[in-house]
Amino acid sequence: FNDLDNGVLRGNRVPPFSISPPFNRNDNRIRLARSNAECRIHFALNCGAKSCPPVKNFSAEAIEEELRIVAQAFCEQEDNVRIDTAKNTIYLTKILDWYRVDFASSKSTLPAKLVEFLRGERKETLEKMLASGKSISVQYNPYDWGTNASECVSFDPTSLKANRTTVRALF
């Protein structure tokens, strides 16, 4: 997953918590790396944690529209993008911190980029904050690594009982 996400889709950029990109210059897979990172992939990829975007199916024919929709849906959730006009602060998902370089050149330019993923009143509110000329504080929410599996079944090691049929199948 790391090679696909950070090597191919992000243009061989250094992943969060790493010191080097997935592919070195002698790696044949480097030719698969995109020349420019598509930031909306971070609203589509899922690691299984509660703070991740929901799992979706995508199609080659409609990928642009599908990425637009998942980006808006993700940013409309208060846990991912919360705007506090009284404090002139936006509170963002940790994903936007880890992959900020894919969205904006700096933390201070991130709010302007997020406008394109918002709609209606939330978009207008952020546009007004930007137009005021005041510096917008950007804070990041803690990431919830808990599972987002809705019907998780606990592993029961006693259900793994060897018998002649299962042992024979190994050979």
Protein backbone atom coordinates (compact mmCIF):
# COMPACT_ATOMS: atom_id res chain seq x y z
CA PHE A 1 0.00 0.00 0.00
CA ASN A 2 2.86 2.40 0.83
CA ASP A 3 4.45 1.90 -2.58
CA LEU A 4 1.15 2.53 -4.37
CA ASP A 5 0.14 5.53 -2.25
CA ASN A 6 3.44 7.34 -1.77
CA GLY A 7 5.45 5.91 -4.65
CA VAL A 8 2.98 5.91 -7.53
CA LEU A 9 0.02 8.17 -6.65
CA ARG A 10 1.96 10.85 -4.76
CA GLY A 11 4.80 11.00 -7.28
CA ASN A 12 7.35 9.17 -5.11
CA ARG A 13 7.08 11.61 -2.20
CA VAL A 14 8.39 10.87 1.27
CA PRO A 15 5.61 9.27 3.36
CA PRO A 16 4.73 10.59 6.81
CA PHE A 17 7.09 9.32 9.50
CA SER A 18 9.72 8.34 6.91
CA ILE A 19 13.01 9.86 5.78
CA SER A 20 13.08 8.72 2.16
CA PRO A 21 10.67 8.09 -0.72
CA PRO A 22 9.53 4.51 -1.46
CA PHE A 23 11.45 4.21 -4.75
CA ASN A 24 15.12 5.04 -5.25
CA ARG A 25 16.34 6.28 -8.62
CA ASN A 26 17.44 2.76 -9.65
CA ASP A 27 14.03 1.23 -8.93
CA ASN A 28 12.19 0.32 -12.14
CA ARG A 29 8.88 1.27 -10.51
CA ILE A 30 9.91 4.93 -10.51
CA ARG A 31 8.55 5.19 -14.07
CA LEU A 32 5.06 4.52 -12.64
CA ALA A 33 5.19 7.54 -10.33
CA ARG A 34 2.84 10.40 -11.25
CA SER A 35 4.60 13.60 -12.24
CA ASN A 36 2.28 15.59 -9.96
CA ALA A 37 0.43 14.41 -6.88
CA GLU A 38 -3.37 14.48 -6.92
CA CYS A 39 -4.27 15.68 -3.43
CA ARG A 40 -7.82 14.33 -3.59
CA ILE A 41 -6.53 10.76 -3.33
CA HIS A 42 -6.26 11.36 0.41
CA PHE A 43 -10.06 11.58 0.53
CA ALA A 44 -10.32 8.24 -1.27
CA LEU A 45 -7.68 5.97 0.27
CA ASN A 46 -8.56 4.06 3.42
CA CYS A 47 -6.32 2.36 5.97
CA GLY A 48 -9.25 1.06 8.03
CA ALA A 49 -9.02 3.63 10.86
CA LYS A 50 -12.02 5.65 12.08
CA SER A 51 -10.40 8.90 10.95
CA CYS A 52 -9.95 7.60 7.39
CA PRO A 53 -12.41 8.36 4.61
CA PRO A 54 -15.06 5.68 4.02
CA VAL A 55 -14.33 2.86 1.59
CA LYS A 56 -15.67 3.59 -1.90
CA ASN A 57 -15.47 2.02 -5.34
CA PHE A 58 -14.05 4.16 -8.13
CA SER A 59 -14.20 3.84 -11.88
CA ALA A 60 -11.69 4.96 -14.50
CA GLU A 61 -14.46 6.56 -16.56
CA ALA A 62 -15.72 8.82 -13.77
CA ILE A 63 -12.68 9.21 -11.49
CA GLU A 64 -12.57 13.02 -11.70
CA GLU A 65 -16.19 13.41 -10.61
CA GLU A 66 -15.86 10.67 -7.99
CA LEU A 67 -12.79 12.34 -6.46
CA ARG A 68 -14.62 15.69 -6.43
CA ILE A 69 -17.55 14.11 -4.59
CA VAL A 70 -15.47 12.25 -1.97
CA ALA A 71 -13.35 15.36 -1.34
CA GLN A 72 -16.46 17.44 -0.67
CA ALA A 73 -18.10 14.73 1.43
CA PHE A 74 -14.96 14.31 3.55
CA CYS A 75 -14.49 18.06 4.09
CA GLU A 76 -18.15 18.59 5.00
CA GLN A 77 -17.70 16.48 8.13
CA GLU A 78 -16.96 18.55 11.25
CA ASP A 79 -14.38 15.99 12.41
CA ASN A 80 -12.36 16.70 9.26
CA VAL A 81 -12.84 20.43 8.68
CA ARG A 82 -14.28 22.63 11.44
CA ILE A 83 -14.37 26.40 11.06
CA ASP A 84 -14.38 28.56 14.19
CA THR A 85 -14.98 32.18 13.15
CA ALA A 86 -14.81 33.48 16.73
CA LYS A 87 -11.23 32.23 17.06
CA ASN A 88 -10.37 32.70 13.36
CA THR A 89 -9.24 29.08 13.44
CA ILE A 90 -9.83 25.99 11.35
CA TYR A 91 -9.50 22.53 12.87
CA LEU A 92 -8.50 19.91 10.35
CA THR A 93 -8.06 16.18 10.09
CA LYS A 94 -4.51 15.00 10.76
CA ILE A 95 -4.47 13.68 7.17
CA LEU A 96 -4.15 17.29 5.98
CA ASP A 97 -1.13 17.71 8.25
CA TRP A 98 0.64 14.52 7.15
CA TYR A 99 0.04 15.19 3.45
CA ARG A 100 -0.03 18.99 3.52
CA VAL A 101 2.63 19.21 0.80
CA ASP A 102 0.15 17.57 -1.61
CA PHE A 103 -2.43 20.29 -0.91
CA ALA A 104 -0.55 23.54 -0.36
CA SER A 105 2.97 24.92 -0.20
CA SER A 106 2.60 25.93 3.45
CA LYS A 107 0.31 25.58 6.44
CA SER A 108 -0.79 29.20 5.99
CA THR A 109 -1.93 28.59 2.38
CA LEU A 110 -3.90 25.45 3.27
CA PRO A 111 -7.17 27.28 4.10
CA ALA A 112 -7.30 28.79 0.60
CA LYS A 113 -6.90 25.35 -0.96
CA LEU A 114 -9.67 23.89 1.20
CA VAL A 115 -12.20 26.38 -0.21
CA GLU A 116 -12.44 24.29 -3.38
CA PHE A 117 -13.60 21.26 -1.35
CA LEU A 118 -16.32 23.10 0.60
CA ARG A 119 -19.84 24.11 -0.39
CA GLY A 120 -22.55 26.50 0.70
CA GLU A 121 -22.33 28.30 4.02
CA ARG A 122 -19.06 26.63 5.09
CA LYS A 123 -17.39 27.71 1.85
CA GLU A 124 -18.68 31.27 2.23
CA THR A 125 -17.52 31.40 5.84
CA LEU A 126 -13.99 30.34 4.97
CA GLU A 127 -13.89 32.72 2.00
CA LYS A 128 -14.88 35.61 4.31
CA MET A 129 -12.18 34.64 6.78
CA LEU A 130 -9.62 34.63 3.97
CA ALA A 131 -10.88 37.97 2.58
CA SER A 132 -10.57 39.63 6.00
CA GLY A 133 -6.78 39.51 5.65
CA LYS A 134 -6.37 38.21 9.19
CA SER A 135 -4.08 35.25 9.69
CA ILE A 136 -6.09 32.03 10.06
CA SER A 137 -4.84 29.65 12.71
CA VAL A 138 -4.67 26.04 11.49
CA GLN A 139 -4.96 23.33 14.12
CA TYR A 140 -5.03 19.57 13.61
CA ASN A 141 -7.38 17.14 15.32
CA PRO A 142 -6.02 13.96 16.90
CA TYR A 143 -6.19 10.94 14.58
CA ASP A 144 -8.43 8.07 15.67
CA TRP A 145 -6.61 4.83 14.82
CA GLY A 146 -9.53 2.71 16.10
CA THR A 147 -11.11 0.44 13.51
CA ASN A 148 -14.01 1.68 11.43
CA ALA A 149 -15.22 -1.86 10.80
CA SER A 150 -18.95 -1.91 11.47
CA GLU A 151 -19.31 -5.66 11.94
CA CYS A 152 -15.98 -6.66 13.38
CA VAL A 153 -15.70 -10.30 14.46
CA SER A 154 -13.21 -11.11 17.18
CA PHE A 155 -10.64 -13.77 16.38
CA ASP A 156 -11.22 -17.04 18.23
CA PRO A 157 -8.07 -19.21 18.16
CA THR A 158 -10.06 -22.24 19.35
CA SER A 159 -11.87 -22.23 16.00
CA LEU A 160 -8.60 -23.30 14.35
CA LYS A 161 -8.57 -27.01 15.05
CA ALA A 162 -6.41 -29.25 12.93
CA ASN A 163 -7.83 -32.52 11.68
CA ARG A 164 -6.67 -35.04 9.11
CA THR A 165 -8.40 -33.20 6.25
CA THR A 166 -6.87 -29.78 7.03
CA VAL A 167 -3.40 -31.21 7.70
CA ARG A 168 -3.48 -33.31 4.50
CA ALA A 169 -4.41 -30.16 2.52
CA LEU A 170 -1.09 -28.62 3.55
CA PHE A 171 0.90 -31.32 1.74
